[in-house]
Amino acid sequence: MAHERHMLVLAHTGRDDALRAAVAVCEQLVAAGLIPVVAADQADAFRSHFSGALALLGSDVALKDIELTIVLGGDGTILAAAELTRGSQAPLLGINHGHVGFLAESEKDDLAWTVSTALAGDYDVDERLVLDVAVVRDGVEVYRSFALNEATLEKASRARMIEVALEVDGRPISAFGADGVVMATPTGSTAYSFSAGGPIVWPAVDALLMVPLSAHALFARPLVVGPDSVMAVELLGRSAASAVLWCDGRRSVDVAPGSRVVASKSADPIRLARLHPGPFTDRLVNKFSLPVTGWRGPGE
């Protein structure tokens, strides 16, 4: 008996173009003999445009049985897919229906080719470093999450900065007032960390980043540390303001003065399907429309 294949289709259901593209993906999967799998909270949106059979993730098909997750939307949708499928070995294949779409592997004009290539299994898998993130208060862990892009401790009120101390591997680096601190992965180095003045780190580099936000300090430079290091940001007890921790801009928790946010490399990376094996340099230039006109390349 042939092995039954399951592919999960997720879309930004608030974007009509992304939803229509997701329906086209479902039709192509059905034509290939698969029953598309969708998230329960997206099923009604899919069924309003698609009359074929759909399987529901969880009730009909277990997450562990998913072969590939096809995501139609922007980077935010891909981050949502990473949250939904956390713990699965199935890679994420992003088809860009957003703006920059740095995490996406193909553009919407290549939809049919992308799905055909995915059905043929003709893709590589790129494992991306993920942060384990915890909030510790009085020695007790009170919150735990993860971040593919970044974990950001930031002020909860516009009127007041927060007082923080930076720590790496249990040793203090500096203390200052700031709007916040970003702790990022190489994948997140082109996201919030980049906007805050942090360096761009190639995904193949195993490293962790700490980037202060609008710090009132002479020494508040971005830091790049080794993958086995443990980063921490303490919200000092003297801080007059509380803070909020955001993980990938999606999951948040209030953080009281005296708490510490600890981030380290997770043992469970997130897997991205790659159809184009070109260098990250080309992706960077294309996504940011960097000016390279006049480049003549290495001499003969």
C-alpha atoms as a PDB file:
ATOM      1  CA  MET A   1       0.000   0.000   0.000  1.00  0.00           C
ATOM      2  CA  ALA A   2       1.353   3.440  -0.933  1.00  0.00           C
ATOM      3  CA  HIS A   3       2.187   5.750   1.931  1.00  0.00           C
ATOM      4  CA  GLU A   4      -0.503   8.392   2.398  1.00  0.00           C
ATOM      5  CA  ARG A   5       0.945  11.883   2.102  1.00  0.00           C
ATOM      6  CA  HIS A   6      -0.212  14.907   4.073  1.00  0.00           C
ATOM      7  CA  MET A   7       0.641  18.543   3.360  1.00  0.00           C
ATOM      8  CA  LEU A   8      -0.582  21.366   5.557  1.00  0.00           C
ATOM      9  CA  VAL A   9      -1.699  24.577   3.812  1.00  0.00           C
ATOM     10  CA  LEU A  10      -1.743  27.799   5.826  1.00  0.00           C
ATOM     11  CA  ALA A  11      -2.634  31.251   4.538  1.00  0.00           C
ATOM     12  CA  HIS A  12      -3.059  34.852   5.588  1.00  0.00           C
ATOM     13  CA  THR A  13      -6.833  34.560   5.404  1.00  0.00           C
ATOM     14  CA  GLY A  14      -7.213  38.340   5.736  1.00  0.00           C
ATOM     15  CA  ARG A  15      -5.585  38.792   2.326  1.00  0.00           C
ATOM     16  CA  ASP A  16      -7.851  37.761  -0.519  1.00  0.00           C
ATOM     17  CA  ASP A  17      -4.948  37.131  -2.895  1.00  0.00           C
ATOM     18  CA  ALA A  18      -3.251  34.828  -0.386  1.00  0.00           C
ATOM     19  CA  LEU A  19      -6.491  32.925   0.256  1.00  0.00           C
ATOM     20  CA  ARG A  20      -7.171  32.494  -3.480  1.00  0.00           C
ATOM     21  CA  ALA A  21      -3.602  31.242  -3.937  1.00  0.00           C
ATOM     22  CA  ALA A  22      -4.083  28.800  -1.053  1.00  0.00           C
ATOM     23  CA  VAL A  23      -7.182  27.431  -2.771  1.00  0.00           C
ATOM     24  CA  ALA A  24      -5.136  26.970  -5.968  1.00  0.00           C
ATOM     25  CA  VAL A  25      -2.587  25.032  -3.908  1.00  0.00           C
ATOM     26  CA  CYS A  26      -5.360  22.813  -2.512  1.00  0.00           C
ATOM     27  CA  GLU A  27      -6.644  22.140  -6.033  1.00  0.00           C
ATOM     28  CA  GLN A  28      -3.158  21.167  -7.185  1.00  0.00           C
ATOM     29  CA  LEU A  29      -2.710  18.854  -4.194  1.00  0.00           C
ATOM     30  CA  VAL A  30      -6.057  17.199  -4.884  1.00  0.00           C
ATOM     31  CA  ALA A  31      -5.072  16.694  -8.525  1.00  0.00           C
ATOM     32  CA  ALA A  32      -1.946  14.915  -7.254  1.00  0.00           C
ATOM     33  CA  GLY A  33      -4.060  12.570  -5.104  1.00  0.00           C
ATOM     34  CA  LEU A  34      -3.646  14.302  -1.720  1.00  0.00           C
ATOM     35  CA  ILE A  35      -6.273  15.659   0.633  1.00  0.00           C
ATOM     36  CA  PRO A  36      -5.094  19.111   1.779  1.00  0.00           C
ATOM     37  CA  VAL A  37      -4.742  19.617   5.531  1.00  0.00           C
ATOM     38  CA  VAL A  38      -5.770  22.959   7.039  1.00  0.00           C
ATOM     39  CA  ALA A  39      -5.809  24.471  10.514  1.00  0.00           C
ATOM     40  CA  ALA A  40      -9.166  24.284  12.271  1.00  0.00           C
ATOM     41  CA  ASP A  41      -9.413  28.068  12.645  1.00  0.00           C
ATOM     42  CA  GLN A  42      -8.873  28.550   8.893  1.00  0.00           C
ATOM     43  CA  ALA A  43     -11.219  25.825   7.680  1.00  0.00           C
ATOM     44  CA  ASP A  44     -14.270  28.083   7.194  1.00  0.00           C
ATOM     45  CA  ALA A  45     -12.250  30.584   5.154  1.00  0.00           C
ATOM     46  CA  PHE A  46     -10.941  27.797   2.930  1.00  0.00           C
ATOM     47  CA  ARG A  47     -14.374  26.190   2.518  1.00  0.00           C
ATOM     48  CA  SER A  48     -15.883  29.494   1.408  1.00  0.00           C
ATOM     49  CA  HIS A  49     -13.658  29.272  -1.691  1.00  0.00           C
ATOM     50  CA  PHE A  50     -12.943  25.539  -2.028  1.00  0.00           C
ATOM     51  CA  SER A  51     -15.551  22.803  -2.465  1.00  0.00           C
ATOM     52  CA  GLY A  52     -13.205  19.818  -2.293  1.00  0.00           C
ATOM     53  CA  ALA A  53     -12.395  17.627   0.692  1.00  0.00           C
ATOM     54  CA  LEU A  54     -10.217  19.088   3.451  1.00  0.00           C
ATOM     55  CA  ALA A  55      -8.644  17.385   6.451  1.00  0.00           C
ATOM     56  CA  LEU A  56      -8.291  19.220   9.751  1.00  0.00           C
ATOM     57  CA  LEU A  57      -4.996  19.381  11.553  1.00  0.00           C
ATOM     58  CA  GLY A  58      -5.247  17.626  14.907  1.00  0.00           C
ATOM     59  CA  SER A  59      -8.626  15.960  14.534  1.00  0.00           C
ATOM     60  CA  ASP A  60      -8.068  14.301  11.136  1.00  0.00           C
ATOM     61  CA  VAL A  61      -4.303  14.377  10.693  1.00  0.00           C
ATOM     62  CA  ALA A  62      -1.715  14.552  13.475  1.00  0.00           C
ATOM     63  CA  LEU A  63       1.033  17.140  13.304  1.00  0.00           C
ATOM     64  CA  LYS A  64       3.655  14.377  13.296  1.00  0.00           C
ATOM     65  CA  ASP A  65       2.210  13.038  10.035  1.00  0.00           C
ATOM     66  CA  ILE A  66       2.623  16.296   8.112  1.00  0.00           C
ATOM     67  CA  GLU A  67       5.232  16.033   5.350  1.00  0.00           C
ATOM     68  CA  LEU A  68       5.437  19.742   4.456  1.00  0.00           C
ATOM     69  CA  THR A  69       3.714  22.967   5.445  1.00  0.00           C
ATOM     70  CA  ILE A  70       2.985  25.360   2.564  1.00  0.00           C
ATOM     71  CA  VAL A  71       2.518  28.915   3.806  1.00  0.00           C
ATOM     72  CA  LEU A  72       0.986  31.715   1.746  1.00  0.00           C
ATOM     73  CA  GLY A  73       1.518  35.190   3.150  1.00  0.00           C
ATOM     74  CA  GLY A  74       4.318  37.378   4.403  1.00  0.00           C
ATOM     75  CA  ASP A  75       6.925  36.843   7.084  1.00  0.00           C
ATOM     76  CA  GLY A  76       4.300  37.279   9.799  1.00  0.00           C
ATOM     77  CA  THR A  77       2.283  34.385   8.389  1.00  0.00           C
ATOM     78  CA  ILE A  78       5.391  32.218   8.265  1.00  0.00           C
ATOM     79  CA  LEU A  79       6.141  33.084  11.898  1.00  0.00           C
ATOM     80  CA  ALA A  80       2.550  32.100  12.756  1.00  0.00           C
ATOM     81  CA  ALA A  81       3.089  28.812  10.918  1.00  0.00           C
ATOM     82  CA  ALA A  82       6.276  28.219  12.900  1.00  0.00           C
ATOM     83  CA  GLU A  83       4.269  28.715  16.095  1.00  0.00           C
ATOM     84  CA  LEU A  84       1.477  26.369  15.008  1.00  0.00           C
ATOM     85  CA  THR A  85       3.831  23.590  13.857  1.00  0.00           C
ATOM     86  CA  ARG A  86       6.437  23.908  16.622  1.00  0.00           C
ATOM     87  CA  GLY A  87       7.757  20.450  17.418  1.00  0.00           C
ATOM     88  CA  SER A  88       7.105  19.064  13.949  1.00  0.00           C
ATOM     89  CA  GLN A  89       9.877  17.850  11.657  1.00  0.00           C
ATOM     90  CA  ALA A  90       7.954  19.069   8.611  1.00  0.00           C
ATOM     91  CA  PRO A  91       9.713  21.994   6.927  1.00  0.00           C
ATOM     92  CA  LEU A  92       7.947  25.271   6.126  1.00  0.00           C
ATOM     93  CA  LEU A  93       7.722  26.368   2.501  1.00  0.00           C
ATOM     94  CA  GLY A  94       6.823  30.048   2.231  1.00  0.00           C
ATOM     95  CA  ILE A  95       5.216  31.588  -0.859  1.00  0.00           C
ATOM     96  CA  ASN A  96       5.392  35.356  -0.558  1.00  0.00           C
ATOM     97  CA  HIS A  97       2.130  37.281  -0.497  1.00  0.00           C
ATOM     98  CA  GLY A  98       3.445  40.010   1.775  1.00  0.00           C
ATOM     99  CA  HIS A  99       5.963  42.807   1.371  1.00  0.00           C
ATOM    100  CA  VAL A 100       9.622  41.847   1.847  1.00  0.00           C
ATOM    101  CA  GLY A 101       8.979  38.159   2.515  1.00  0.00           C
ATOM    102  CA  PHE A 102      12.492  37.435   3.722  1.00  0.00           C
ATOM    103  CA  LEU A 103      11.523  33.989   5.024  1.00  0.00           C
ATOM    104  CA  ALA A 104       9.578  33.047   1.893  1.00  0.00           C
ATOM    105  CA  GLU A 105      11.185  30.787  -0.657  1.00  0.00           C
ATOM    106  CA  SER A 106       9.243  31.740  -3.766  1.00  0.00           C
ATOM    107  CA  GLU A 107       7.014  34.477  -5.137  1.00  0.00           C
ATOM    108  CA  LYS A 108       3.322  34.213  -5.976  1.00  0.00           C
ATOM    109  CA  ASP A 109       3.981  34.188  -9.739  1.00  0.00           C
ATOM    110  CA  ASP A 110       5.774  30.837  -9.313  1.00  0.00           C
ATOM    111  CA  LEU A 111       2.902  29.177  -7.467  1.00  0.00           C
ATOM    112  CA  ALA A 112       2.239  26.154  -9.721  1.00  0.00           C
ATOM    113  CA  TRP A 113       5.943  25.405 -10.169  1.00  0.00           C
ATOM    114  CA  THR A 114       6.528  25.715  -6.417  1.00  0.00           C
ATOM    115  CA  VAL A 115       3.804  23.199  -5.554  1.00  0.00           C
ATOM    116  CA  SER A 116       4.925  20.788  -8.290  1.00  0.00           C
ATOM    117  CA  THR A 117       8.482  20.941  -6.983  1.00  0.00           C
ATOM    118  CA  ALA A 118       7.251  20.375  -3.424  1.00  0.00           C
ATOM    119  CA  LEU A 119       5.178  17.365  -4.519  1.00  0.00           C
ATOM    120  CA  ALA A 120       8.267  15.906  -6.178  1.00  0.00           C
ATOM    121  CA  GLY A 121      10.222  16.395  -2.940  1.00  0.00           C
ATOM    122  CA  ASP A 122      12.806  18.357  -4.898  1.00  0.00           C
ATOM    123  CA  TYR A 123      13.884  20.725  -2.150  1.00  0.00           C
ATOM    124  CA  ASP A 124      16.602  21.089   0.448  1.00  0.00           C
ATOM    125  CA  VAL A 125      15.960  21.676   4.141  1.00  0.00           C
ATOM    126  CA  ASP A 126      17.623  24.591   5.903  1.00  0.00           C
ATOM    127  CA  GLU A 127      17.684  24.336   9.709  1.00  0.00           C
ATOM    128  CA  ARG A 128      17.442  27.711  11.425  1.00  0.00           C
ATOM    129  CA  LEU A 129      18.582  28.449  14.954  1.00  0.00           C
ATOM    130  CA  VAL A 130      15.771  29.187  17.416  1.00  0.00           C
ATOM    131  CA  LEU A 131      15.894  30.860  20.829  1.00  0.00           C
ATOM    132  CA  ASP A 132      14.486  29.305  23.976  1.00  0.00           C
ATOM    133  CA  VAL A 133      13.209  32.244  26.015  1.00  0.00           C
ATOM    134  CA  ALA A 134      12.276  32.311  29.691  1.00  0.00           C
ATOM    135  CA  VAL A 135      11.246  34.938  32.235  1.00  0.00           C
ATOM    136  CA  VAL A 136      12.610  34.293  35.727  1.00  0.00           C
ATOM    137  CA  ARG A 137      11.324  36.052  38.838  1.00  0.00           C
ATOM    138  CA  ASP A 138      12.868  35.416  42.280  1.00  0.00           C
ATOM    139  CA  GLY A 139      14.595  32.341  40.903  1.00  0.00           C
ATOM    140  CA  VAL A 140      11.361  30.849  39.567  1.00  0.00           C
ATOM    141  CA  GLU A 141      10.588  30.503  35.883  1.00  0.00           C
ATOM    142  CA  VAL A 142       7.236  32.202  35.297  1.00  0.00           C
ATOM    143  CA  TYR A 143       7.068  32.133  31.491  1.00  0.00           C
ATOM    144  CA  ARG A 144       8.627  30.178  28.623  1.00  0.00           C
ATOM    145  CA  SER A 145       8.417  30.546  24.864  1.00  0.00           C
ATOM    146  CA  PHE A 146      10.607  30.489  21.761  1.00  0.00           C
ATOM    147  CA  ALA A 147      11.645  32.883  19.004  1.00  0.00           C
ATOM    148  CA  LEU A 148      12.699  32.277  15.421  1.00  0.00           C
ATOM    149  CA  ASN A 149      13.461  35.957  14.801  1.00  0.00           C
ATOM    150  CA  GLU A 150      13.866  37.701  18.134  1.00  0.00           C
ATOM    151  CA  ALA A 151      12.804  38.135  21.743  1.00  0.00           C
ATOM    152  CA  THR A 152      12.428  41.791  22.679  1.00  0.00           C
ATOM    153  CA  LEU A 153      12.158  43.253  26.168  1.00  0.00           C
ATOM    154  CA  GLU A 154      10.748  46.741  25.719  1.00  0.00           C
ATOM    155  CA  LYS A 155       9.167  49.470  27.765  1.00  0.00           C
ATOM    156  CA  ALA A 156       5.445  49.143  28.358  1.00  0.00           C
ATOM    157  CA  SER A 157       4.855  52.901  28.480  1.00  0.00           C
ATOM    158  CA  ARG A 158       5.964  55.477  25.927  1.00  0.00           C
ATOM    159  CA  ALA A 159       6.603  57.995  28.683  1.00  0.00           C
ATOM    160  CA  ARG A 160       9.352  56.123  30.555  1.00  0.00           C
ATOM    161  CA  MET A 161      12.422  54.150  29.619  1.00  0.00           C
ATOM    162  CA  ILE A 162      13.340  50.957  31.436  1.00  0.00           C
ATOM    163  CA  GLU A 163      16.529  50.295  33.407  1.00  0.00           C
ATOM    164  CA  VAL A 164      18.247  47.111  32.274  1.00  0.00           C
ATOM    165  CA  ALA A 165      21.444  45.166  32.839  1.00  0.00           C
ATOM    166  CA  LEU A 166      22.904  42.985  30.083  1.00  0.00           C
ATOM    167  CA  GLU A 167      24.477  39.650  30.939  1.00  0.00           C
ATOM    168  CA  VAL A 168      26.300  36.964  28.953  1.00  0.00           C
ATOM    169  CA  ASP A 169      27.137  33.580  30.452  1.00  0.00           C
ATOM    170  CA  GLY A 170      26.329  34.741  33.968  1.00  0.00           C
ATOM    171  CA  ARG A 171      28.611  37.791  33.819  1.00  0.00           C
ATOM    172  CA  PRO A 172      27.460  41.443  33.608  1.00  0.00           C
ATOM    173  CA  ILE A 173      28.215  43.530  30.516  1.00  0.00           C
ATOM    174  CA  SER A 174      26.624  46.911  31.173  1.00  0.00           C
ATOM    175  CA  ALA A 175      23.594  48.611  32.715  1.00  0.00           C
ATOM    176  CA  PHE A 176      21.683  51.566  31.295  1.00  0.00           C
ATOM    177  CA  GLY A 177      18.327  53.106  30.582  1.00  0.00           C
ATOM    178  CA  ALA A 178      16.788  52.196  27.227  1.00  0.00           C
ATOM    179  CA  ASP A 179      13.619  51.649  25.290  1.00  0.00           C
ATOM    180  CA  GLY A 180      14.457  47.956  25.306  1.00  0.00           C
ATOM    181  CA  VAL A 181      16.805  45.192  24.192  1.00  0.00           C
ATOM    182  CA  VAL A 182      16.480  42.813  21.237  1.00  0.00           C
ATOM    183  CA  MET A 183      17.883  39.287  21.523  1.00  0.00           C
ATOM    184  CA  ALA A 184      17.953  37.833  18.031  1.00  0.00           C
ATOM    185  CA  THR A 185      18.947  34.878  15.898  1.00  0.00           C
ATOM    186  CA  PRO A 186      20.799  35.139  12.572  1.00  0.00           C
ATOM    187  CA  THR A 187      17.405  34.723  10.888  1.00  0.00           C
ATOM    188  CA  GLY A 188      16.125  37.690  12.897  1.00  0.00           C
ATOM    189  CA  SER A 189      19.187  39.797  12.104  1.00  0.00           C
ATOM    190  CA  THR A 190      17.346  41.133   9.034  1.00  0.00           C
ATOM    191  CA  ALA A 191      14.194  41.956  11.020  1.00  0.00           C
ATOM    192  CA  TYR A 192      13.754  44.073  14.196  1.00  0.00           C
ATOM    193  CA  SER A 193      17.436  43.757  15.086  1.00  0.00           C
ATOM    194  CA  PHE A 194      18.385  45.204  11.685  1.00  0.00           C
ATOM    195  CA  SER A 195      16.010  48.152  12.152  1.00  0.00           C
ATOM    196  CA  ALA A 196      17.632  48.830  15.537  1.00  0.00           C
ATOM    197  CA  GLY A 197      21.120  49.044  14.001  1.00  0.00           C
ATOM    198  CA  GLY A 198      22.264  45.476  14.567  1.00  0.00           C
ATOM    199  CA  PRO A 199      24.526  43.612  12.135  1.00  0.00           C
ATOM    200  CA  ILE A 200      23.294  41.314   9.392  1.00  0.00           C
ATOM    201  CA  VAL A 201      24.420  37.777  10.209  1.00  0.00           C
ATOM    202  CA  TRP A 202      24.445  35.104   7.508  1.00  0.00           C
ATOM    203  CA  PRO A 203      22.116  32.204   8.440  1.00  0.00           C
ATOM    204  CA  ALA A 204      24.980  29.705   8.233  1.00  0.00           C
ATOM    205  CA  VAL A 205      26.691  31.477  11.145  1.00  0.00           C
ATOM    206  CA  ASP A 206      25.827  29.992  14.532  1.00  0.00           C
ATOM    207  CA  ALA A 207      25.527  33.073  16.739  1.00  0.00           C
ATOM    208  CA  LEU A 208      23.229  35.025  19.046  1.00  0.00           C
ATOM    209  CA  LEU A 209      22.712  38.800  19.014  1.00  0.00           C
ATOM    210  CA  MET A 210      21.931  41.431  21.636  1.00  0.00           C
ATOM    211  CA  VAL A 211      20.923  44.870  20.339  1.00  0.00           C
ATOM    212  CA  PRO A 212      19.958  47.749  22.681  1.00  0.00           C
ATOM    213  CA  LEU A 213      17.094  50.007  21.652  1.00  0.00           C
ATOM    214  CA  SER A 214      17.695  53.764  22.067  1.00  0.00           C
ATOM    215  CA  ALA A 215      20.057  53.260  24.994  1.00  0.00           C
ATOM    216  CA  HIS A 216      21.177  56.161  27.171  1.00  0.00           C
ATOM    217  CA  ALA A 217      24.748  54.945  27.550  1.00  0.00           C
ATOM    218  CA  LEU A 218      28.240  55.413  26.152  1.00  0.00           C
ATOM    219  CA  PHE A 219      28.650  51.662  25.675  1.00  0.00           C
ATOM    220  CA  ALA A 220      25.529  50.186  24.158  1.00  0.00           C
ATOM    221  CA  ARG A 221      26.804  48.510  21.031  1.00  0.00           C
ATOM    222  CA  PRO A 222      25.229  45.437  19.438  1.00  0.00           C
ATOM    223  CA  LEU A 223      26.833  42.224  20.672  1.00  0.00           C
ATOM    224  CA  VAL A 224      27.343  38.967  18.764  1.00  0.00           C
ATOM    225  CA  VAL A 225      28.054  35.968  20.988  1.00  0.00           C
ATOM    226  CA  GLY A 226      28.627  32.266  20.464  1.00  0.00           C
ATOM    227  CA  PRO A 227      25.765  29.792  20.003  1.00  0.00           C
ATOM    228  CA  ASP A 228      26.430  28.092  23.348  1.00  0.00           C
ATOM    229  CA  SER A 229      26.284  31.342  25.294  1.00  0.00           C
ATOM    230  CA  VAL A 230      23.328  32.277  27.471  1.00  0.00           C
ATOM    231  CA  MET A 231      22.078  35.838  27.145  1.00  0.00           C
ATOM    232  CA  ALA A 232      20.070  37.583  29.825  1.00  0.00           C
ATOM    233  CA  VAL A 233      18.501  40.979  30.314  1.00  0.00           C
ATOM    234  CA  GLU A 234      17.582  41.951  33.856  1.00  0.00           C
ATOM    235  CA  LEU A 235      14.890  44.540  34.388  1.00  0.00           C
ATOM    236  CA  LEU A 236      16.522  46.259  37.332  1.00  0.00           C
ATOM    237  CA  GLY A 237      14.584  46.672  40.537  1.00  0.00           C
ATOM    238  CA  ARG A 238      15.237  50.420  40.442  1.00  0.00           C
ATOM    239  CA  SER A 239      13.414  50.666  37.114  1.00  0.00           C
ATOM    240  CA  ALA A 240      10.405  52.903  37.559  1.00  0.00           C
ATOM    241  CA  ALA A 241       8.684  51.345  34.576  1.00  0.00           C
ATOM    242  CA  SER A 242       7.469  47.855  33.828  1.00  0.00           C
ATOM    243  CA  ALA A 243       8.208  46.139  30.552  1.00  0.00           C
ATOM    244  CA  VAL A 244       6.749  43.658  28.105  1.00  0.00           C
ATOM    245  CA  LEU A 245       8.481  40.717  26.451  1.00  0.00           C
ATOM    246  CA  TRP A 246       7.583  39.996  22.831  1.00  0.00           C
ATOM    247  CA  CYS A 247       8.627  36.798  21.049  1.00  0.00           C
ATOM    248  CA  ASP A 248       8.583  37.207  17.266  1.00  0.00           C
ATOM    249  CA  GLY A 249       6.126  40.061  17.735  1.00  0.00           C
ATOM    250  CA  ARG A 250       3.397  37.475  18.320  1.00  0.00           C
ATOM    251  CA  ARG A 251       3.491  36.272  21.926  1.00  0.00           C
ATOM    252  CA  SER A 252       3.816  38.687  24.819  1.00  0.00           C
ATOM    253  CA  VAL A 253       3.968  38.730  28.602  1.00  0.00           C
ATOM    254  CA  ASP A 254       4.315  41.547  31.131  1.00  0.00           C
ATOM    255  CA  VAL A 255       7.653  41.674  32.952  1.00  0.00           C
ATOM    256  CA  ALA A 256       7.939  43.262  36.397  1.00  0.00           C
ATOM    257  CA  PRO A 257      11.055  45.040  37.739  1.00  0.00           C
ATOM    258  CA  GLY A 258      13.445  42.540  39.294  1.00  0.00           C
ATOM    259  CA  SER A 259      12.751  39.912  36.614  1.00  0.00           C
ATOM    260  CA  ARG A 260      15.261  38.454  34.182  1.00  0.00           C
ATOM    261  CA  VAL A 261      14.699  37.419  30.564  1.00  0.00           C
ATOM    262  CA  VAL A 262      17.008  34.558  29.605  1.00  0.00           C
ATOM    263  CA  ALA A 263      17.601  33.425  26.012  1.00  0.00           C
ATOM    264  CA  SER A 264      19.699  30.574  24.662  1.00  0.00           C
ATOM    265  CA  LYS A 265      19.943  28.350  21.605  1.00  0.00           C
ATOM    266  CA  SER A 266      17.110  25.831  21.420  1.00  0.00           C
ATOM    267  CA  ALA A 267      17.790  22.165  20.795  1.00  0.00           C
ATOM    268  CA  ASP A 268      14.919  22.203  18.276  1.00  0.00           C
ATOM    269  CA  PRO A 269      15.605  24.287  15.165  1.00  0.00           C
ATOM    270  CA  ILE A 270      12.940  25.357  12.699  1.00  0.00           C
ATOM    271  CA  ARG A 271      13.225  23.798   9.262  1.00  0.00           C
ATOM    272  CA  LEU A 272      12.703  25.808   6.073  1.00  0.00           C
ATOM    273  CA  ALA A 273      12.263  24.186   2.664  1.00  0.00           C
ATOM    274  CA  ARG A 274      14.590  25.674   0.060  1.00  0.00           C
ATOM    275  CA  LEU A 275      13.933  25.420  -3.678  1.00  0.00           C
ATOM    276  CA  HIS A 276      16.623  27.887  -4.746  1.00  0.00           C
ATOM    277  CA  PRO A 277      20.115  26.906  -3.553  1.00  0.00           C
ATOM    278  CA  GLY A 278      21.643  30.311  -4.342  1.00  0.00           C
ATOM    279  CA  PRO A 279      23.776  32.194  -1.798  1.00  0.00           C
ATOM    280  CA  PHE A 280      22.250  34.274   0.976  1.00  0.00           C
ATOM    281  CA  THR A 281      24.048  37.297  -0.506  1.00  0.00           C
ATOM    282  CA  ASP A 282      21.757  37.206  -3.552  1.00  0.00           C
ATOM    283  CA  ARG A 283      18.654  36.890  -1.351  1.00  0.00           C
ATOM    284  CA  LEU A 284      19.803  39.888   0.695  1.00  0.00           C
ATOM    285  CA  VAL A 285      20.373  42.013  -2.415  1.00  0.00           C
ATOM    286  CA  ASN A 286      17.056  41.004  -3.993  1.00  0.00           C
ATOM    287  CA  LYS A 287      14.865  41.395  -0.908  1.00  0.00           C
ATOM    288  CA  PHE A 288      16.311  44.781   0.071  1.00  0.00           C
ATOM    289  CA  SER A 289      16.781  45.976  -3.533  1.00  0.00           C
ATOM    290  CA  LEU A 290      20.388  46.858  -2.740  1.00  0.00           C
ATOM    291  CA  PRO A 291      22.259  48.930  -5.352  1.00  0.00           C
ATOM    292  CA  VAL A 292      24.813  46.696  -7.075  1.00  0.00           C
ATOM    293  CA  THR A 293      24.781  48.313 -10.508  1.00  0.00           C
ATOM    294  CA  GLY A 294      28.326  48.649 -11.827  1.00  0.00           C
ATOM    295  CA  TRP A 295      29.681  45.566 -10.072  1.00  0.00           C
ATOM    296  CA  ARG A 296      32.015  43.759 -12.440  1.00  0.00           C
ATOM    297  CA  GLY A 297      32.826  40.709 -10.329  1.00  0.00           C
ATOM    298  CA  PRO A 298      36.164  39.046  -9.618  1.00  0.00           C
ATOM    299  CA  GLY A 299      38.890  39.574 -12.202  1.00  0.00           C
ATOM    300  CA  GLU A 300      39.771  36.778 -14.560  1.00  0.00           C
END
